[in-house]
């Protein structure tokens, strides 16, 4: 079991992985369609996107939380 203090990092890891998989899959499909080798192209695009998405989520999440706090009562 992972200690609770790592929850924000685990959340960012999972969220960035899922979102980058979804977006890279859609983008790859729109670019090449259901071509042979689609899976390999998607995985390659996904891993590249995840390398950028994970730190971006860790940096953006606190800013987004603050914005939500200010925009809601």
Protein backbone atom coordinates (compact mmCIF):
# COMPACT_ATOMS: atom_id res chain seq x y z
CA UNK A 1 0.00 0.00 0.00
CA UNK A 2 1.26 3.47 -0.87
CA UNK A 3 1.41 6.05 1.96
CA UNK A 4 -1.28 8.76 1.80
CA UNK A 5 1.31 11.54 1.47
CA UNK A 6 2.00 10.32 -2.09
CA UNK A 7 -1.65 10.59 -3.14
CA UNK A 8 -1.21 13.79 -5.22
CA UNK A 9 1.65 12.21 -7.20
CA UNK A 10 -0.29 8.97 -7.75
CA UNK A 11 -3.35 10.96 -8.82
CA UNK A 12 -1.24 12.97 -11.28
CA UNK A 13 0.44 9.82 -12.57
CA UNK A 14 -2.86 8.04 -13.22
CA UNK A 15 -4.69 11.07 -14.60
CA UNK A 16 -1.87 12.04 -16.95
CA UNK A 17 -1.52 8.44 -18.13
CA UNK A 18 -5.22 8.06 -18.89
CA UNK A 19 -5.65 11.46 -20.53
CA UNK A 20 -2.49 11.21 -22.62
CA UNK A 21 -3.54 7.71 -23.78
CA UNK A 22 -6.96 9.00 -24.81
CA UNK A 23 -5.73 12.12 -26.59
CA UNK A 24 -2.80 10.41 -28.32
CA UNK A 25 -5.08 7.57 -29.42
CA UNK A 26 -7.58 9.96 -30.97
CA UNK A 27 -4.85 12.02 -32.61
CA UNK A 28 -3.05 8.98 -33.97
CA UNK A 29 -6.28 7.51 -35.32
CA UNK A 30 -7.17 10.79 -37.03
CA UNK A 31 -3.72 10.94 -38.59
CA UNK A 32 -3.31 7.37 -39.86
CA UNK A 33 -6.73 5.74 -39.44
CA UNK A 34 -7.00 2.00 -38.78
CA UNK A 35 -3.69 1.33 -40.52
CA UNK A 36 -1.46 -1.68 -39.92
CA UNK A 37 0.85 -0.87 -37.03
CA UNK A 38 -1.65 1.53 -35.47
CA UNK A 39 -1.05 0.08 -32.00
CA UNK A 40 2.71 0.60 -32.15
CA UNK A 41 2.26 4.17 -33.40
CA UNK A 42 -0.23 4.88 -30.63
CA UNK A 43 1.99 3.47 -27.88
CA UNK A 44 4.94 5.49 -29.14
CA UNK A 45 2.88 8.69 -29.23
CA UNK A 46 1.36 7.92 -25.83
CA UNK A 47 4.68 7.38 -24.06
CA UNK A 48 6.06 10.61 -25.49
CA UNK A 49 2.92 12.49 -24.46
CA UNK A 50 2.97 10.96 -20.97
CA UNK A 51 6.55 12.14 -20.41
CA UNK A 52 5.28 15.70 -20.90
CA UNK A 53 1.82 15.26 -19.34
CA UNK A 54 2.90 13.91 -15.95
CA UNK A 55 5.07 16.86 -14.89
CA UNK A 56 2.57 19.25 -16.50
CA UNK A 57 -0.25 17.83 -14.36
CA UNK A 58 1.88 18.10 -11.22
CA UNK A 59 2.56 21.76 -12.01
CA UNK A 60 -0.94 22.66 -13.22
CA UNK A 61 -3.01 20.91 -10.52
CA UNK A 62 -2.27 23.41 -7.72
CA UNK A 63 -3.02 26.32 -10.06
CA UNK A 64 -6.28 24.71 -11.16
CA UNK A 65 -7.28 24.07 -7.51
CA UNK A 66 -6.68 27.73 -6.66
CA UNK A 67 -8.67 28.87 -9.68
CA UNK A 68 -11.58 26.60 -8.72
CA UNK A 69 -11.51 27.92 -5.14
CA UNK A 70 -11.72 31.49 -6.42
CA UNK A 71 -14.46 30.73 -8.97
CA UNK A 72 -16.72 28.88 -6.55
CA UNK A 73 -18.30 29.77 -3.26
